[in-house]
N, C-alpha and C. Protein backbone atom coordinates (compact mmCIF):
# COMPACT_ATOMS: atom_id res chain seq x y z
N MET A 1 -29.59 5.52 -22.85
CA MET A 1 -27.35 5.54 -22.78
C MET A 1 -27.63 4.02 -23.24
N LEU A 2 -28.03 2.81 -23.09
CA LEU A 2 -27.70 1.83 -22.39
C LEU A 2 -27.13 1.43 -24.00
N LEU A 3 -28.08 1.37 -24.45
CA LEU A 3 -28.52 0.50 -26.50
C LEU A 3 -27.19 1.44 -27.06
N PRO A 4 -26.71 2.75 -27.28
CA PRO A 4 -25.83 3.05 -27.93
C PRO A 4 -23.88 2.35 -27.48
N ALA A 5 -24.11 2.18 -26.30
CA ALA A 5 -23.26 1.94 -25.73
C ALA A 5 -22.96 0.04 -25.60
N LEU A 6 -24.47 -0.14 -26.21
CA LEU A 6 -24.03 -1.58 -25.76
C LEU A 6 -23.64 -1.72 -27.58
N LEU A 7 -24.27 -0.97 -28.61
CA LEU A 7 -23.84 -1.17 -30.67
C LEU A 7 -22.63 -0.35 -30.46
N ALA A 8 -21.70 0.11 -29.51
CA ALA A 8 -19.85 0.72 -29.40
C ALA A 8 -19.45 -1.06 -29.35
N LEU A 9 -20.23 -1.93 -27.77
CA LEU A 9 -19.15 -2.15 -27.54
C LEU A 9 -19.65 -3.72 -29.18
N GLY A 10 -20.39 -4.01 -29.87
CA GLY A 10 -20.81 -4.41 -30.46
C GLY A 10 -21.51 -6.14 -29.84
N ILE A 11 -21.84 -5.98 -28.55
CA ILE A 11 -22.64 -7.42 -28.07
C ILE A 11 -24.35 -7.01 -28.07
N VAL A 12 -24.85 -6.16 -28.96
CA VAL A 12 -26.04 -6.14 -28.21
C VAL A 12 -26.47 -7.72 -29.62
N GLY A 13 -25.69 -7.85 -29.97
CA GLY A 13 -25.94 -9.31 -30.85
C GLY A 13 -26.66 -10.27 -29.87
N CYS A 14 -25.68 -10.74 -29.03
CA CYS A 14 -25.23 -11.55 -28.17
C CYS A 14 -26.38 -11.67 -27.29
N ALA A 15 -26.99 -10.48 -26.66
CA ALA A 15 -27.93 -10.21 -25.92
C ALA A 15 -29.49 -10.92 -25.82
N ARG A 16 -30.23 -11.15 -25.49
CA ARG A 16 -31.56 -11.93 -25.47
C ARG A 16 -32.03 -10.93 -24.56
N ALA A 17 -33.01 -10.86 -24.48
CA ALA A 17 -34.72 -9.81 -23.81
C ALA A 17 -34.41 -11.11 -22.81
N PRO A 18 -34.50 -10.36 -20.90
CA PRO A 18 -33.89 -10.61 -19.70
C PRO A 18 -35.13 -10.91 -20.03
N SER A 19 -34.82 -12.11 -18.33
CA SER A 19 -36.51 -12.86 -18.30
C SER A 19 -36.27 -11.97 -16.27
N ALA A 20 -37.32 -12.42 -16.36
CA ALA A 20 -37.56 -12.01 -14.63
C ALA A 20 -36.27 -12.41 -13.78
N PRO A 21 -35.41 -11.52 -12.99
CA PRO A 21 -34.57 -12.67 -12.25
C PRO A 21 -34.89 -13.83 -11.42
N GLY A 22 -33.90 -14.75 -11.19
CA GLY A 22 -33.98 -16.14 -11.00
C GLY A 22 -35.15 -16.88 -11.32
N GLN A 23 -35.60 -16.11 -13.01
CA GLN A 23 -36.38 -17.09 -13.34
C GLN A 23 -35.30 -18.27 -14.62
N ALA A 24 -35.36 -19.10 -14.61
CA ALA A 24 -34.35 -20.19 -15.97
C ALA A 24 -35.71 -20.15 -16.92
N THR A 25 -34.64 -19.59 -18.12
CA THR A 25 -35.41 -19.31 -19.63
C THR A 25 -34.88 -20.13 -20.10
N ALA A 26 -35.91 -20.62 -21.46
CA ALA A 26 -35.61 -22.02 -21.96
C ALA A 26 -34.47 -20.80 -23.58
N GLN A 27 -33.63 -21.69 -24.25
CA GLN A 27 -32.95 -21.67 -25.05
C GLN A 27 -33.53 -21.14 -25.80
N THR A 28 -32.90 -20.29 -26.22
CA THR A 28 -34.03 -19.62 -27.69
C THR A 28 -32.78 -19.64 -29.21
N THR A 29 -31.45 -20.07 -28.75
CA THR A 29 -30.77 -21.07 -30.17
C THR A 29 -31.12 -21.32 -30.84
N PRO A 30 -32.10 -20.95 -32.52
CA PRO A 30 -31.74 -21.74 -33.82
C PRO A 30 -31.24 -23.48 -32.69
N GLY A 31 -32.48 -24.56 -33.62
CA GLY A 31 -31.52 -25.91 -33.40
C GLY A 31 -32.06 -26.88 -31.90
N ALA A 32 -31.45 -27.74 -31.96
CA ALA A 32 -32.11 -28.64 -31.01
C ALA A 32 -31.85 -28.02 -29.55
N GLN A 33 -30.79 -27.15 -28.72
CA GLN A 33 -30.33 -26.41 -28.10
C GLN A 33 -31.62 -25.82 -27.46
N ARG A 34 -33.11 -25.41 -27.79
CA ARG A 34 -33.81 -24.82 -26.71
C ARG A 34 -34.68 -26.83 -26.69
N ASN A 35 -34.72 -25.73 -25.23
CA ASN A 35 -34.89 -26.94 -23.82
C ASN A 35 -35.86 -25.73 -22.98
N ALA A 36 -36.99 -26.19 -23.91
CA ALA A 36 -38.43 -26.85 -22.95
C ALA A 36 -39.13 -26.57 -21.57
N ALA A 37 -37.40 -27.22 -20.71
CA ALA A 37 -37.47 -26.95 -19.99
C ALA A 37 -36.60 -25.79 -19.33
N GLY A 38 -36.01 -25.35 -19.79
CA GLY A 38 -35.49 -24.18 -19.74
C GLY A 38 -34.04 -24.06 -19.05
N GLY A 39 -33.48 -22.94 -19.01
CA GLY A 39 -31.49 -23.73 -18.92
C GLY A 39 -30.90 -23.34 -20.04
N CYS A 40 -29.80 -23.93 -20.12
CA CYS A 40 -28.78 -23.25 -20.72
C CYS A 40 -28.52 -24.30 -21.38
N LEU A 41 -28.58 -25.89 -21.79
CA LEU A 41 -28.00 -26.69 -22.93
C LEU A 41 -29.26 -27.97 -22.84
N ALA A 42 -29.71 -28.28 -23.76
CA ALA A 42 -30.54 -29.66 -23.66
C ALA A 42 -29.92 -30.47 -22.73
N SER A 43 -28.77 -30.95 -21.96
CA SER A 43 -27.79 -31.70 -21.81
C SER A 43 -27.93 -31.59 -19.98
N HIS A 44 -27.91 -30.45 -20.51
CA HIS A 44 -28.33 -29.86 -18.07
C HIS A 44 -27.47 -29.41 -17.76
N ASP A 45 -26.10 -29.37 -18.81
CA ASP A 45 -24.97 -29.12 -18.27
C ASP A 45 -24.27 -28.07 -18.43
N GLY A 46 -24.89 -27.29 -18.19
CA GLY A 46 -24.40 -26.17 -18.38
C GLY A 46 -24.03 -25.15 -17.36
N TYR A 47 -23.10 -24.47 -17.05
CA TYR A 47 -22.79 -23.71 -15.56
C TYR A 47 -22.08 -22.42 -16.28
N LEU A 48 -21.67 -21.93 -15.03
CA LEU A 48 -20.90 -20.40 -14.88
C LEU A 48 -20.81 -20.65 -13.68
N ARG A 49 -19.17 -20.14 -13.17
CA ARG A 49 -19.08 -19.86 -11.97
C ARG A 49 -17.52 -18.65 -12.79
N VAL A 50 -17.68 -17.06 -11.62
CA VAL A 50 -17.10 -16.45 -11.83
C VAL A 50 -16.56 -15.19 -10.36
N ARG A 51 -15.71 -15.33 -9.83
CA ARG A 51 -15.00 -14.17 -9.07
C ARG A 51 -14.97 -13.43 -9.42
N LEU A 52 -15.42 -12.27 -8.76
CA LEU A 52 -15.58 -10.64 -9.44
C LEU A 52 -14.70 -10.17 -8.29
N ARG A 53 -13.68 -9.36 -8.21
CA ARG A 53 -13.47 -8.12 -7.12
C ARG A 53 -13.92 -6.70 -7.94
N GLY A 54 -13.64 -6.12 -7.37
CA GLY A 54 -13.70 -4.54 -7.25
C GLY A 54 -15.04 -3.87 -7.23
N ALA A 55 -15.74 -3.11 -7.93
CA ALA A 55 -16.67 -2.65 -7.81
C ALA A 55 -17.42 -2.94 -6.90
N GLN A 56 -18.06 -3.75 -7.30
CA GLN A 56 -18.10 -5.03 -6.40
C GLN A 56 -18.20 -6.23 -6.21
N ASN A 57 -17.92 -6.68 -5.27
CA ASN A 57 -17.07 -8.80 -5.03
C ASN A 57 -18.20 -9.30 -4.95
N LEU A 58 -18.52 -10.63 -5.86
CA LEU A 58 -19.64 -11.75 -6.28
C LEU A 58 -18.96 -12.41 -6.04
N ASP A 59 -19.32 -13.60 -5.51
CA ASP A 59 -19.21 -15.04 -6.41
C ASP A 59 -20.03 -15.48 -7.62
N ILE A 60 -20.27 -15.88 -8.16
CA ILE A 60 -20.99 -15.98 -9.30
C ILE A 60 -21.50 -18.16 -9.64
N ASP A 61 -21.81 -18.55 -9.06
CA ASP A 61 -22.40 -19.85 -9.65
C ASP A 61 -23.37 -20.51 -10.01
N TRP A 62 -24.16 -20.26 -11.22
CA TRP A 62 -25.13 -20.23 -11.69
C TRP A 62 -24.56 -21.81 -12.63
N PRO A 63 -26.00 -22.37 -11.82
CA PRO A 63 -25.95 -23.82 -12.31
C PRO A 63 -26.83 -23.65 -13.69
N ASP A 64 -27.04 -24.51 -14.01
CA ASP A 64 -27.60 -24.72 -15.64
C ASP A 64 -29.07 -24.38 -15.53
N ARG A 65 -29.53 -25.06 -14.73
CA ARG A 65 -31.14 -24.21 -14.25
C ARG A 65 -31.51 -23.25 -14.02
N ALA A 66 -30.89 -22.41 -13.19
CA ALA A 66 -30.57 -20.53 -13.00
C ALA A 66 -30.21 -19.73 -14.17
N LEU A 67 -29.49 -20.42 -15.60
CA LEU A 67 -28.43 -19.74 -16.30
C LEU A 67 -30.01 -19.11 -18.18
N GLN A 68 -29.31 -18.61 -18.69
CA GLN A 68 -29.96 -18.49 -19.86
C GLN A 68 -28.59 -18.34 -20.77
N CYS A 69 -28.02 -19.01 -21.61
CA CYS A 69 -26.63 -18.74 -22.55
C CYS A 69 -27.26 -18.79 -23.84
N ASP A 70 -26.00 -18.33 -24.79
CA ASP A 70 -25.99 -18.55 -26.18
C ASP A 70 -24.41 -17.67 -26.78
N GLY A 71 -24.14 -18.37 -28.13
CA GLY A 71 -23.44 -18.11 -28.01
C GLY A 71 -23.29 -18.47 -30.56
N GLY A 72 -21.99 -18.09 -30.76
CA GLY A 72 -21.84 -17.78 -32.07
C GLY A 72 -20.57 -17.43 -32.58
N PRO A 73 -20.28 -17.41 -33.74
CA PRO A 73 -18.78 -16.48 -33.91
C PRO A 73 -18.30 -15.18 -34.05
N ARG A 74 -18.04 -14.48 -33.22
CA ARG A 74 -16.93 -13.11 -33.64
C ARG A 74 -17.55 -11.94 -34.78
N PRO A 75 -17.76 -11.12 -34.75
CA PRO A 75 -17.78 -10.11 -36.03
C PRO A 75 -17.21 -10.60 -37.80
N ASP A 76 -16.07 -10.60 -36.69
CA ASP A 76 -14.40 -10.34 -37.86
C ASP A 76 -14.29 -12.46 -37.96
N ARG A 77 -15.37 -12.70 -37.82
CA ARG A 77 -15.34 -14.89 -37.05
C ARG A 77 -13.84 -15.08 -37.93
N ALA A 78 -12.62 -14.35 -36.30
CA ALA A 78 -11.77 -15.04 -35.51
C ALA A 78 -11.40 -15.24 -34.60
N GLY A 79 -12.87 -15.64 -34.72
CA GLY A 79 -13.33 -16.15 -33.42
C GLY A 79 -15.02 -16.79 -33.15
N MET A 80 -14.68 -16.85 -31.21
CA MET A 80 -16.09 -17.08 -30.65
C MET A 80 -16.76 -15.82 -29.76
N ARG A 81 -17.44 -16.37 -30.00
CA ARG A 81 -18.16 -15.16 -28.45
C ARG A 81 -18.93 -16.25 -27.69
N LEU A 82 -19.47 -16.14 -26.18
CA LEU A 82 -20.47 -16.87 -25.73
C LEU A 82 -21.18 -15.77 -24.38
N THR A 83 -22.26 -15.85 -24.98
CA THR A 83 -23.46 -15.00 -23.85
C THR A 83 -23.56 -15.40 -23.21
N PHE A 84 -23.57 -15.84 -21.32
CA PHE A 84 -24.14 -16.20 -20.48
C PHE A 84 -25.29 -14.78 -19.16
N ALA A 85 -26.45 -15.72 -18.95
CA ALA A 85 -27.39 -14.30 -18.46
C ALA A 85 -27.94 -15.00 -16.55
N GLY A 86 -28.49 -14.42 -15.89
CA GLY A 86 -28.62 -14.77 -14.85
C GLY A 86 -29.11 -14.47 -13.63
N PRO A 87 -28.84 -14.57 -12.48
CA PRO A 87 -30.24 -13.17 -11.46
C PRO A 87 -28.53 -12.78 -10.63
N GLY A 88 -29.17 -12.19 -10.74
CA GLY A 88 -27.93 -10.79 -9.99
C GLY A 88 -28.04 -10.88 -8.57
N PRO A 89 -27.26 -9.75 -7.79
CA PRO A 89 -27.37 -10.36 -6.42
C PRO A 89 -28.00 -9.92 -5.50
N ARG A 90 -29.91 -9.06 -5.78
CA ARG A 90 -30.36 -8.58 -5.71
C ARG A 90 -32.41 -8.65 -6.41
N ALA A 91 -33.03 -8.52 -6.00
CA ALA A 91 -34.12 -8.64 -6.79
C ALA A 91 -34.50 -7.21 -7.72
N GLY A 92 -34.80 -7.66 -9.37
CA GLY A 92 -35.04 -6.87 -10.55
C GLY A 92 -33.57 -6.65 -11.13
N LEU A 93 -32.33 -6.96 -10.22
CA LEU A 93 -31.31 -7.09 -10.82
C LEU A 93 -30.96 -8.45 -11.97
N ARG A 94 -30.11 -8.54 -13.08
CA ARG A 94 -29.95 -9.66 -13.88
C ARG A 94 -28.47 -9.22 -14.71
N LEU A 95 -27.58 -10.45 -14.45
CA LEU A 95 -26.46 -9.74 -14.60
C LEU A 95 -25.83 -10.58 -15.92
N ARG A 96 -25.27 -9.96 -17.09
CA ARG A 96 -25.21 -10.79 -18.31
C ARG A 96 -23.61 -10.60 -18.24
N PHE A 97 -22.95 -11.74 -19.02
CA PHE A 97 -21.51 -11.76 -19.20
C PHE A 97 -21.75 -12.33 -20.51
N VAL A 98 -20.39 -11.45 -20.84
CA VAL A 98 -20.29 -11.98 -23.02
C VAL A 98 -17.97 -11.88 -22.81
N PHE A 99 -17.46 -13.18 -22.56
CA PHE A 99 -16.23 -13.10 -23.74
C PHE A 99 -16.22 -13.53 -24.67
N GLY A 100 -15.78 -12.59 -25.20
CA GLY A 100 -14.89 -13.31 -26.99
C GLY A 100 -14.30 -13.82 -26.82
N ILE A 101 -13.95 -14.62 -27.00
CA ILE A 101 -12.47 -15.69 -27.10
C ILE A 101 -11.42 -15.26 -28.94
N ALA A 102 -10.19 -15.46 -29.52
CA ALA A 102 -9.39 -14.73 -30.62
C ALA A 102 -8.68 -16.13 -30.76
N GLY A 103 -9.62 -15.88 -32.49
CA GLY A 103 -8.71 -17.44 -32.94
C GLY A 103 -8.63 -18.48 -32.46
N VAL A 104 -10.00 -18.94 -32.70
CA VAL A 104 -10.56 -20.20 -32.65
C VAL A 104 -12.45 -20.01 -33.25
N GLN A 105 -11.74 -21.21 -33.58
CA GLN A 105 -13.02 -21.92 -34.21
C GLN A 105 -13.47 -23.89 -34.47
N GLY A 106 -14.16 -23.75 -34.47
CA GLY A 106 -15.29 -24.98 -35.01
C GLY A 106 -14.35 -26.12 -33.46
N VAL A 107 -15.18 -27.64 -34.08
CA VAL A 107 -13.64 -28.24 -33.00
C VAL A 107 -12.96 -28.35 -31.77
N GLY A 108 -12.58 -28.94 -31.25
CA GLY A 108 -10.19 -29.01 -30.55
C GLY A 108 -11.16 -28.78 -29.19
N TYR A 109 -9.35 -28.46 -28.57
CA TYR A 109 -9.28 -28.10 -28.00
C TYR A 109 -8.00 -27.05 -27.98
N SER A 110 -7.40 -26.63 -27.35
CA SER A 110 -7.11 -25.43 -26.62
C SER A 110 -6.44 -24.46 -25.48
N GLN A 111 -5.45 -24.28 -26.27
CA GLN A 111 -5.08 -23.50 -24.76
C GLN A 111 -4.79 -21.90 -25.21
N SER A 112 -4.42 -21.50 -23.67
CA SER A 112 -3.68 -20.11 -23.54
C SER A 112 -4.59 -18.94 -24.62
N LEU A 113 -5.48 -19.40 -24.88
CA LEU A 113 -6.32 -18.02 -25.94
C LEU A 113 -6.18 -16.34 -25.35
N PRO A 114 -6.18 -15.56 -26.25
CA PRO A 114 -7.12 -14.12 -25.52
C PRO A 114 -7.57 -14.24 -25.28
N ALA A 115 -8.49 -13.66 -24.50
CA ALA A 115 -9.88 -13.46 -24.50
C ALA A 115 -10.26 -11.93 -23.93
N ASN A 116 -11.48 -11.61 -23.94
CA ASN A 116 -12.43 -9.88 -23.72
C ASN A 116 -13.18 -10.61 -23.03
N ALA A 117 -13.27 -9.41 -22.28
CA ALA A 117 -14.30 -10.13 -21.21
C ALA A 117 -15.77 -8.65 -21.51
N THR A 118 -17.08 -8.36 -20.60
CA THR A 118 -18.25 -7.90 -21.04
C THR A 118 -18.65 -7.78 -19.64
N VAL A 119 -19.83 -7.12 -18.53
CA VAL A 119 -20.82 -7.16 -18.15
C VAL A 119 -21.59 -6.98 -17.43
N LEU A 120 -22.87 -6.69 -18.15
CA LEU A 120 -23.62 -6.13 -17.32
C LEU A 120 -24.82 -6.21 -16.69
N TYR A 121 -24.89 -5.26 -15.94
CA TYR A 121 -25.93 -5.37 -14.82
C TYR A 121 -27.25 -4.46 -15.50
N GLU A 122 -27.83 -5.97 -16.09
CA GLU A 122 -28.88 -5.11 -16.69
C GLU A 122 -30.87 -5.69 -15.37
N GLY A 123 -30.70 -3.88 -15.06
CA GLY A 123 -31.81 -3.18 -14.27
C GLY A 123 -31.14 -2.27 -13.46
N ASP A 124 -29.69 -1.23 -13.58
CA ASP A 124 -29.90 -0.23 -13.65
C ASP A 124 -28.41 -0.12 -14.81
N SER A 125 -28.12 -0.61 -15.69
CA SER A 125 -27.33 0.12 -17.45
C SER A 125 -25.60 0.43 -16.28
N ARG A 126 -24.97 -0.57 -15.61
CA ARG A 126 -23.69 -0.71 -15.42
C ARG A 126 -23.26 -1.41 -16.61
N ILE A 127 -22.17 -1.30 -16.82
CA ILE A 127 -21.76 -1.84 -18.46
C ILE A 127 -19.67 -1.70 -17.80
N TYR A 128 -19.05 -3.21 -18.16
CA TYR A 128 -17.79 -3.02 -17.71
C TYR A 128 -18.03 -4.08 -19.19
N SER A 129 -16.26 -2.76 -19.37
CA SER A 129 -16.03 -3.91 -20.65
C SER A 129 -14.48 -4.19 -20.71
N THR A 130 -13.55 -4.96 -20.77
CA THR A 130 -12.07 -5.12 -21.10
C THR A 130 -11.76 -3.95 -22.36
N ARG A 131 -12.11 -4.39 -23.02
CA ARG A 131 -11.58 -3.19 -24.11
C ARG A 131 -10.70 -3.94 -24.42
N GLY A 132 -10.79 -5.33 -25.27
CA GLY A 132 -9.46 -5.56 -26.03
C GLY A 132 -9.40 -6.79 -25.20
N ASP A 133 -8.35 -7.78 -26.43
CA ASP A 133 -8.15 -9.31 -25.62
C ASP A 133 -6.70 -9.50 -24.73
N ASP A 134 -5.75 -8.39 -24.60
CA ASP A 134 -4.92 -7.94 -23.91
C ASP A 134 -5.01 -8.04 -22.15
N LYS A 135 -6.49 -8.50 -22.12
CA LYS A 135 -6.75 -8.49 -20.42
C LYS A 135 -6.90 -9.69 -19.95
N CYS A 136 -7.80 -11.14 -20.80
CA CYS A 136 -7.63 -11.82 -20.70
C CYS A 136 -7.71 -13.10 -21.06
N THR A 137 -7.18 -13.87 -20.29
CA THR A 137 -6.41 -15.42 -21.19
C THR A 137 -7.69 -16.42 -20.49
N ILE A 138 -8.20 -17.66 -21.74
CA ILE A 138 -8.53 -18.76 -21.41
C ILE A 138 -7.46 -19.82 -21.07
N ASP A 139 -7.17 -19.96 -20.34
CA ASP A 139 -6.10 -21.55 -19.45
C ASP A 139 -6.39 -22.71 -20.58
N GLU A 140 -8.02 -23.01 -21.18
CA GLU A 140 -8.42 -24.11 -21.14
C GLU A 140 -9.40 -24.42 -21.94
N LEU A 141 -9.83 -24.18 -22.82
CA LEU A 141 -11.11 -24.81 -24.02
C LEU A 141 -11.29 -26.08 -25.00
N SER A 142 -12.40 -26.29 -24.42
CA SER A 142 -13.30 -27.30 -25.37
C SER A 142 -14.20 -27.11 -25.93
N ARG A 143 -14.75 -27.25 -27.10
CA ARG A 143 -15.33 -27.43 -28.10
C ARG A 143 -15.76 -28.99 -28.84
N THR A 144 -17.00 -29.72 -28.36
CA THR A 144 -17.45 -30.97 -28.59
C THR A 144 -19.23 -30.64 -29.36
N PRO A 145 -19.04 -31.59 -30.54
CA PRO A 145 -20.23 -31.14 -31.14
C PRO A 145 -21.57 -32.17 -30.42
N LEU A 146 -23.01 -31.63 -30.45
CA LEU A 146 -24.02 -32.11 -29.59
C LEU A 146 -24.43 -32.72 -30.04
N GLY A 147 -24.42 -33.63 -30.32
CA GLY A 147 -24.60 -35.38 -30.24
C GLY A 147 -25.64 -35.34 -31.79
N THR A 148 -26.90 -35.39 -31.78
CA THR A 148 -27.41 -35.55 -33.22
C THR A 148 -27.83 -34.21 -33.68
N SER A 149 -27.83 -32.84 -32.62
CA SER A 149 -29.03 -32.06 -32.95
C SER A 149 -28.69 -31.77 -34.62
N PRO A 150 -30.30 -30.99 -34.89
CA PRO A 150 -30.72 -31.03 -35.72
C PRO A 150 -29.84 -29.44 -36.88
N ALA A 151 -29.18 -28.65 -35.78
CA ALA A 151 -28.00 -27.51 -35.57
C ALA A 151 -26.61 -28.45 -35.82
N ALA A 152 -26.47 -28.88 -37.74
CA ALA A 152 -24.90 -29.53 -37.93
C ALA A 152 -24.18 -28.24 -37.06
N HIS A 153 -24.08 -27.70 -36.77
CA HIS A 153 -22.85 -27.35 -36.04
C HIS A 153 -22.86 -26.05 -34.70
N ALA A 154 -23.79 -27.24 -34.13
CA ALA A 154 -23.95 -26.66 -33.04
C ALA A 154 -23.07 -27.73 -32.10
N LEU A 155 -22.09 -26.73 -31.10
CA LEU A 155 -20.83 -26.80 -29.51
C LEU A 155 -21.27 -27.14 -29.10
N ARG A 156 -20.87 -27.68 -28.02
CA ARG A 156 -21.14 -27.75 -26.33
C ARG A 156 -19.10 -27.26 -26.05
N VAL A 157 -19.87 -25.17 -25.53
CA VAL A 157 -18.26 -25.04 -24.71
C VAL A 157 -17.70 -25.00 -23.80
N SER A 158 -16.39 -25.20 -23.38
CA SER A 158 -16.32 -25.99 -21.86
C SER A 158 -15.44 -24.84 -21.65
N GLY A 159 -15.04 -24.20 -21.33
CA GLY A 159 -13.13 -24.27 -20.44
C GLY A 159 -12.93 -22.96 -19.21
N ARG A 160 -12.17 -22.78 -18.89
CA ARG A 160 -11.69 -21.74 -17.81
C ARG A 160 -10.70 -20.65 -17.61
N GLY A 161 -10.70 -19.62 -17.34
CA GLY A 161 -9.99 -17.86 -17.93
C GLY A 161 -9.79 -17.78 -16.79
N PHE A 162 -8.93 -16.12 -16.58
CA PHE A 162 -8.78 -14.60 -16.12
C PHE A 162 -8.40 -13.21 -16.42
N CYS A 163 -8.88 -12.42 -16.12
CA CYS A 163 -7.96 -11.37 -16.14
C CYS A 163 -7.09 -10.66 -15.36
N VAL A 164 -6.30 -10.28 -16.00
CA VAL A 164 -5.34 -9.22 -15.07
C VAL A 164 -4.94 -8.31 -14.92
N ALA A 165 -5.95 -7.48 -15.40
CA ALA A 165 -6.74 -6.14 -15.09
C ALA A 165 -8.37 -6.35 -15.17
N PRO A 166 -8.69 -4.88 -14.34
CA PRO A 166 -10.24 -4.93 -14.26
C PRO A 166 -10.27 -4.46 -15.77
N ALA A 167 -12.25 -4.35 -15.54
CA ALA A 167 -12.97 -4.13 -16.74
C ALA A 167 -14.11 -3.18 -16.40
N ALA A 168 -13.11 -1.93 -16.72
CA ALA A 168 -13.48 -0.85 -17.05
C ALA A 168 -14.83 0.01 -16.84
N ALA A 169 -15.53 0.44 -16.02
CA ALA A 169 -16.68 0.41 -16.11
C ALA A 169 -16.89 1.99 -17.20
N ILE A 170 -17.94 1.86 -18.46
CA ILE A 170 -18.23 2.51 -19.27
C ILE A 170 -18.34 3.71 -18.31
N ASP A 171 -19.14 4.88 -17.53
CA ASP A 171 -19.72 5.91 -16.98
C ASP A 171 -18.12 6.46 -15.70
N GLY A 172 -16.75 5.79 -15.99
CA GLY A 172 -15.62 5.77 -15.36
C GLY A 172 -15.52 6.11 -14.10
N GLY A 173 -16.65 4.64 -13.13
CA GLY A 173 -16.10 4.41 -12.43
C GLY A 173 -14.99 3.73 -11.83
N GLU A 174 -15.20 3.30 -10.35
CA GLU A 174 -14.00 1.57 -10.90
C GLU A 174 -14.78 0.71 -11.68
N GLY A 175 -13.49 -0.29 -11.41
CA GLY A 175 -13.19 -1.00 -12.95
C GLY A 175 -14.10 -2.94 -11.62
N LEU A 176 -14.50 -3.68 -12.66
CA LEU A 176 -14.70 -5.19 -11.64
C LEU A 176 -14.13 -5.67 -12.65
N LEU A 177 -12.30 -6.77 -11.73
CA LEU A 177 -11.97 -7.35 -11.83
C LEU A 177 -12.53 -8.69 -12.43
N LEU A 178 -13.20 -9.77 -13.24
CA LEU A 178 -13.03 -11.50 -13.64
C LEU A 178 -11.73 -12.12 -13.16
N SER A 179 -11.23 -12.08 -11.89
CA SER A 179 -9.30 -12.80 -11.55
C SER A 179 -10.16 -14.49 -11.29
N ARG A 180 -11.17 -15.07 -11.86
CA ARG A 180 -11.20 -15.85 -11.90
C ARG A 180 -13.06 -16.38 -12.67
N PHE A 181 -12.96 -17.55 -14.11
CA PHE A 181 -14.41 -17.66 -14.91
C PHE A 181 -14.28 -19.48 -14.94
N ASP A 182 -15.13 -19.95 -14.81
CA ASP A 182 -15.54 -21.12 -16.20
C ASP A 182 -16.51 -21.03 -16.18
N PHE A 183 -17.03 -21.98 -17.14
CA PHE A 183 -18.06 -21.93 -17.61
C PHE A 183 -18.58 -23.30 -19.06
N ALA A 184 -19.31 -23.45 -19.46
CA ALA A 184 -19.90 -24.58 -20.36
C ALA A 184 -21.28 -23.85 -20.94
N GLY A 185 -21.04 -23.58 -21.69
CA GLY A 185 -21.90 -23.20 -22.67
C GLY A 185 -22.67 -23.50 -23.93
N VAL A 186 -22.80 -22.61 -24.97
CA VAL A 186 -23.25 -23.20 -26.32
C VAL A 186 -22.73 -22.59 -27.85
N VAL A 187 -22.23 -23.02 -28.85
CA VAL A 187 -21.96 -22.66 -29.68
C VAL A 187 -22.60 -22.07 -31.09
N ILE A 188 -23.78 -22.62 -31.61
CA ILE A 188 -24.25 -22.31 -32.94
C ILE A 188 -23.12 -21.65 -34.54
N ASP A 189 -22.93 -21.80 -34.66
CA ASP A 189 -22.24 -21.53 -36.20
C ASP A 189 -22.84 -22.69 -37.75
N ASP A 190 -24.27 -21.56 -38.34
CA ASP A 190 -24.48 -22.40 -39.67
C ASP A 190 -23.58 -22.07 -40.48
N GLU A 191 -22.91 -20.92 -41.03
CA GLU A 191 -21.93 -20.95 -41.80
C GLU A 191 -20.78 -21.41 -41.76
N SER A 192 -20.27 -22.57 -41.16
CA SER A 192 -19.41 -23.61 -40.48
C SER A 192 -19.53 -24.56 -40.90
N ASP A 193 -17.87 -25.49 -40.46
CA ASP A 193 -18.33 -26.58 -41.94
C ASP A 193 -17.89 -27.38 -40.66
N ALA A 194 -17.42 -27.08 -39.28
CA ALA A 194 -17.57 -27.56 -37.63
C ALA A 194 -16.28 -28.55 -37.67
N ALA A 195 -15.54 -28.60 -38.74
CA ALA A 195 -14.89 -28.78 -38.79
C ALA A 195 -13.34 -29.03 -37.73
N ALA A 196 -12.63 -29.58 -38.27
CA ALA A 196 -11.21 -29.87 -36.77
C ALA A 196 -11.18 -28.37 -36.69
N ASP A 197 -10.51 -27.58 -35.65
CA ASP A 197 -9.51 -26.33 -35.89
C ASP A 197 -7.95 -26.92 -36.71
N PRO A 198 -7.11 -26.65 -37.13
CA PRO A 198 -5.63 -26.65 -37.68
C PRO A 198 -5.44 -26.25 -36.60
N ALA A 199 -6.04 -25.31 -35.77
CA ALA A 199 -4.48 -24.20 -34.91
C ALA A 199 -4.32 -25.00 -33.58
N THR A 200 -5.80 -26.42 -33.34
CA THR A 200 -5.32 -26.24 -32.12
C THR A 200 -5.01 -27.77 -31.37
N ALA A 201 -4.20 -28.61 -30.53
CA ALA A 201 -3.88 -29.93 -30.54
C ALA A 201 -5.18 -31.03 -29.93
N ALA A 202 -5.09 -32.18 -30.26
CA ALA A 202 -6.46 -32.87 -29.25
C ALA A 202 -5.72 -33.59 -28.03
N ARG A 203 -7.16 -33.05 -27.22
CA ARG A 203 -6.56 -33.80 -26.03
C ARG A 203 -6.40 -34.96 -25.50
């Protein structure tokens, strides 16, 4: 039942195989962001903070060492997608957040970007999705090259945002509101020239 729902949401390509709850995992995206010590970024400064209200009230605060992250262009290449996974509130449960951000590519700085959010409770098959770019906004988004990475188009992407309506439960239950979120992760696009985005303004 879970796999068809994931395919319908178009996020299966961003999801990596989950590890044991609470275990820091190595970055599996090709290129220099593979971190043998585990975590999200080789620079150890990845993070995810989310305030969740509704079906469950949680305050997520995952530092780099507790976090697995991944990212790339959206399927239509009209934006980017970032995935963050980490330990859930109880043993045997792992949470995965997927943020789809519209209208942005490459190095740059942007404000007020439409976005969507999906939350997966891996372990009990609960899925929540905003199902569109009209319920969440990225206040600020910064994309910077990741040093001398062999993956020439690897970007450190950091931002903050909020949702004004809950992510709906796929099973029809109570929704889940991401009233605030902050993140720093990675996006790798081997087909991009990593040029500055003309639609954005420099900080």
